[in-house]
Amino acid sequence: MSGGFGELIWMKGVQMKQNVSPPPPSKESPPPPPPPPPPPPSPRPPPPSQQKHHPPPPAKSVHSAPEMTTSETKHSNHDKKHHNSNEKSHQLAKKKKPNLGKKLGLVFVGVAGMLQVCKNDILLCLSILRNCLGFVLENIMLRLLCPVSKE
């Protein structure tokens, strides 16, 4: 590695040496042939992903924007009123009870995803649950997946 940086580049497969003086000629072997020049870049069309798929939109005229009629404004105001009443009812529902359903849904989505990862091996899934979350969740899952009939 007497050549330094240039030889390191040469070892990595780059075709041209940089910042290296030619090695002294040795009497035992002929000098190595010079590397072939890189091929000239050929002009190619851009890949299809870069080509435009849509023509540019036509120029808009000054009179192209329609005026909103009075019936349309009444309709849009009507939609706003319904939207506001829906928001109020949602706020009241949130105040009445905690949103446990969403949390349980997320737990079940996570368990379903883990079952897919475990390739539907329920025992492996349950062992992961037991190691991660303890026996409480494992017992819940066992009761849900394998209900025991009361006799």
Protein backbone atom coordinates (compact mmCIF):
# COMPACT_ATOMS: atom_id res chain seq x y z
CA MET A 1 0.00 0.00 0.00
CA SER A 2 2.80 2.36 -0.85
CA GLY A 3 0.60 4.32 -3.28
CA GLY A 4 -1.79 5.49 -0.58
CA PHE A 5 -5.25 6.71 -1.48
CA GLY A 6 -4.98 5.99 -5.21
CA GLU A 7 -4.16 2.31 -4.70
CA LEU A 8 -7.06 1.98 -2.27
CA ILE A 9 -9.41 3.26 -4.96
CA TRP A 10 -7.81 0.89 -7.46
CA MET A 11 -8.40 -2.04 -5.12
CA LYS A 12 -12.08 -1.18 -4.83
CA GLY A 13 -12.53 -1.60 -8.56
CA VAL A 14 -12.38 1.96 -9.83
CA GLN A 15 -10.86 1.97 -13.30
CA MET A 16 -8.75 5.11 -12.96
CA LYS A 17 -6.03 5.78 -10.41
CA GLN A 18 -6.04 9.17 -8.74
CA ASN A 19 -3.13 11.04 -7.14
CA VAL A 20 -0.60 8.23 -7.65
CA SER A 21 2.69 8.44 -9.40
CA PRO A 22 3.36 5.47 -11.72
CA PRO A 23 5.19 2.60 -9.99
CA PRO A 24 8.87 2.24 -10.79
CA PRO A 25 9.45 -0.17 -13.71
CA SER A 26 10.59 -3.56 -12.56
CA LYS A 27 13.00 -5.69 -14.57
CA GLU A 28 11.16 -8.96 -13.86
CA SER A 29 7.67 -8.23 -15.21
CA PRO A 30 6.37 -5.94 -17.96
CA PRO A 31 4.41 -2.88 -16.84
CA PRO A 32 0.66 -3.45 -16.55
CA PRO A 33 -1.41 -2.27 -19.53
CA PRO A 34 -3.12 1.09 -19.06
CA PRO A 35 -6.77 0.83 -18.04
CA PRO A 36 -9.25 1.15 -20.91
CA PRO A 37 -10.90 4.57 -21.21
CA PRO A 38 -14.47 4.70 -19.97
CA PRO A 39 -17.08 4.43 -22.73
CA PRO A 40 -18.57 7.75 -23.82
CA PRO A 41 -22.01 8.37 -22.36
CA SER A 42 -24.73 7.70 -24.92
CA PRO A 43 -27.65 10.10 -25.05
CA ARG A 44 -30.72 8.21 -23.85
CA PRO A 45 -34.35 9.32 -23.57
CA PRO A 46 -35.54 9.90 -19.99
CA PRO A 47 -37.06 6.87 -18.25
CA PRO A 48 -40.83 6.51 -18.62
CA SER A 49 -41.40 7.40 -14.95
CA GLN A 50 -40.02 10.90 -15.60
CA GLN A 51 -42.02 11.54 -18.74
CA LYS A 52 -45.15 13.64 -18.31
CA HIS A 53 -48.33 11.61 -18.50
CA HIS A 54 -50.77 14.50 -18.62
CA PRO A 55 -50.77 17.37 -21.11
CA PRO A 56 -50.64 20.83 -19.56
CA PRO A 57 -54.08 22.18 -18.61
CA PRO A 58 -55.65 24.61 -21.08
CA ALA A 59 -55.46 28.30 -20.24
CA LYS A 60 -58.43 29.43 -18.15
CA SER A 61 -60.67 32.14 -19.44
CA VAL A 62 -61.73 35.05 -17.28
CA HIS A 63 -65.39 33.95 -17.31
CA SER A 64 -64.86 30.27 -16.41
CA ALA A 65 -65.63 30.53 -12.66
CA PRO A 66 -69.39 30.06 -12.06
CA GLU A 67 -71.15 32.31 -9.60
CA MET A 68 -72.72 30.63 -6.56
CA THR A 69 -76.50 30.90 -6.59
CA THR A 70 -78.61 31.61 -3.53
CA SER A 71 -79.90 28.02 -3.38
CA GLU A 72 -76.32 26.72 -3.34
CA THR A 73 -75.37 29.04 -0.49
CA LYS A 74 -78.41 27.89 1.50
CA HIS A 75 -77.40 24.27 0.89
CA SER A 76 -73.82 24.83 2.04
CA ASN A 77 -75.06 26.62 5.18
CA HIS A 78 -77.44 23.73 5.81
CA ASP A 79 -74.51 21.25 5.66
CA LYS A 80 -72.54 23.39 8.11
CA LYS A 81 -75.42 23.33 10.61
CA HIS A 82 -75.64 19.52 10.46
CA HIS A 83 -71.89 19.23 10.82
CA ASN A 84 -71.90 21.42 13.93
CA SER A 85 -74.71 19.42 15.54
CA ASN A 86 -72.83 16.18 14.87
CA GLU A 87 -69.72 17.60 16.53
CA LYS A 88 -71.76 18.56 19.60
CA SER A 89 -73.26 15.08 19.92
CA HIS A 90 -69.79 13.54 19.61
CA GLN A 91 -68.53 15.82 22.38
CA LEU A 92 -71.42 14.81 24.62
CA ALA A 93 -70.76 11.13 23.97
CA LYS A 94 -67.11 11.57 24.93
CA LYS A 95 -68.07 13.22 28.21
CA LYS A 96 -70.50 10.45 29.19
CA LYS A 97 -68.17 7.43 29.06
CA PRO A 98 -64.48 6.67 28.58
CA ASN A 99 -63.60 5.32 25.15
CA LEU A 100 -62.69 1.77 26.14
CA GLY A 101 -63.90 0.25 22.89
CA LYS A 102 -61.18 1.94 20.89
CA LYS A 103 -58.49 0.69 23.29
CA LEU A 104 -59.82 -2.87 23.21
CA GLY A 105 -60.02 -2.67 19.43
CA LEU A 106 -56.36 -1.69 19.27
CA VAL A 107 -55.45 -4.63 21.50
CA PHE A 108 -57.31 -7.05 19.27
CA VAL A 109 -55.80 -5.56 16.13
CA GLY A 110 -52.35 -6.04 17.68
CA VAL A 111 -53.12 -9.63 18.61
CA ALA A 112 -54.45 -10.35 15.13
CA GLY A 113 -51.29 -8.90 13.62
CA MET A 114 -49.17 -11.03 15.94
CA LEU A 115 -51.15 -14.12 14.91
CA GLN A 116 -50.33 -13.36 11.29
CA VAL A 117 -46.66 -12.93 12.13
CA CYS A 118 -46.69 -16.22 14.07
CA LYS A 119 -48.34 -17.89 11.06
CA ASN A 120 -51.52 -18.67 13.03
CA ASP A 121 -49.62 -20.60 15.71
CA ILE A 122 -51.84 -19.81 18.68
CA LEU A 123 -49.48 -21.36 21.24
CA LEU A 124 -46.57 -19.25 20.07
CA CYS A 125 -48.79 -16.17 20.13
CA LEU A 126 -49.94 -16.93 23.67
CA SER A 127 -46.39 -17.53 24.88
CA ILE A 128 -45.37 -14.15 23.48
CA LEU A 129 -48.35 -12.53 25.18
CA ARG A 130 -47.53 -14.17 28.48
CA ASN A 131 -43.91 -13.10 28.35
CA CYS A 132 -44.72 -9.54 27.32
CA LEU A 133 -47.93 -8.66 29.09
CA GLY A 134 -48.36 -11.19 31.86
CA PHE A 135 -50.95 -13.81 32.62
CA VAL A 136 -53.96 -11.50 32.71
CA LEU A 137 -54.05 -10.90 28.99
CA GLU A 138 -53.26 -14.55 28.31
CA ASN A 139 -56.25 -15.63 30.41
CA ILE A 140 -58.50 -13.16 28.60
CA MET A 141 -57.32 -14.45 25.24
CA LEU A 142 -57.78 -18.06 26.30
CA ARG A 143 -61.34 -17.35 27.38
CA LEU A 144 -62.08 -15.56 24.13
CA LEU A 145 -60.44 -18.09 21.83
CA CYS A 146 -61.27 -21.29 23.70
CA PRO A 147 -64.50 -20.71 25.63
CA VAL A 148 -65.16 -23.28 28.32
CA SER A 149 -68.73 -24.53 28.52
CA LYS A 150 -70.20 -24.38 32.04
CA GLU A 151 -71.67 -27.71 33.09
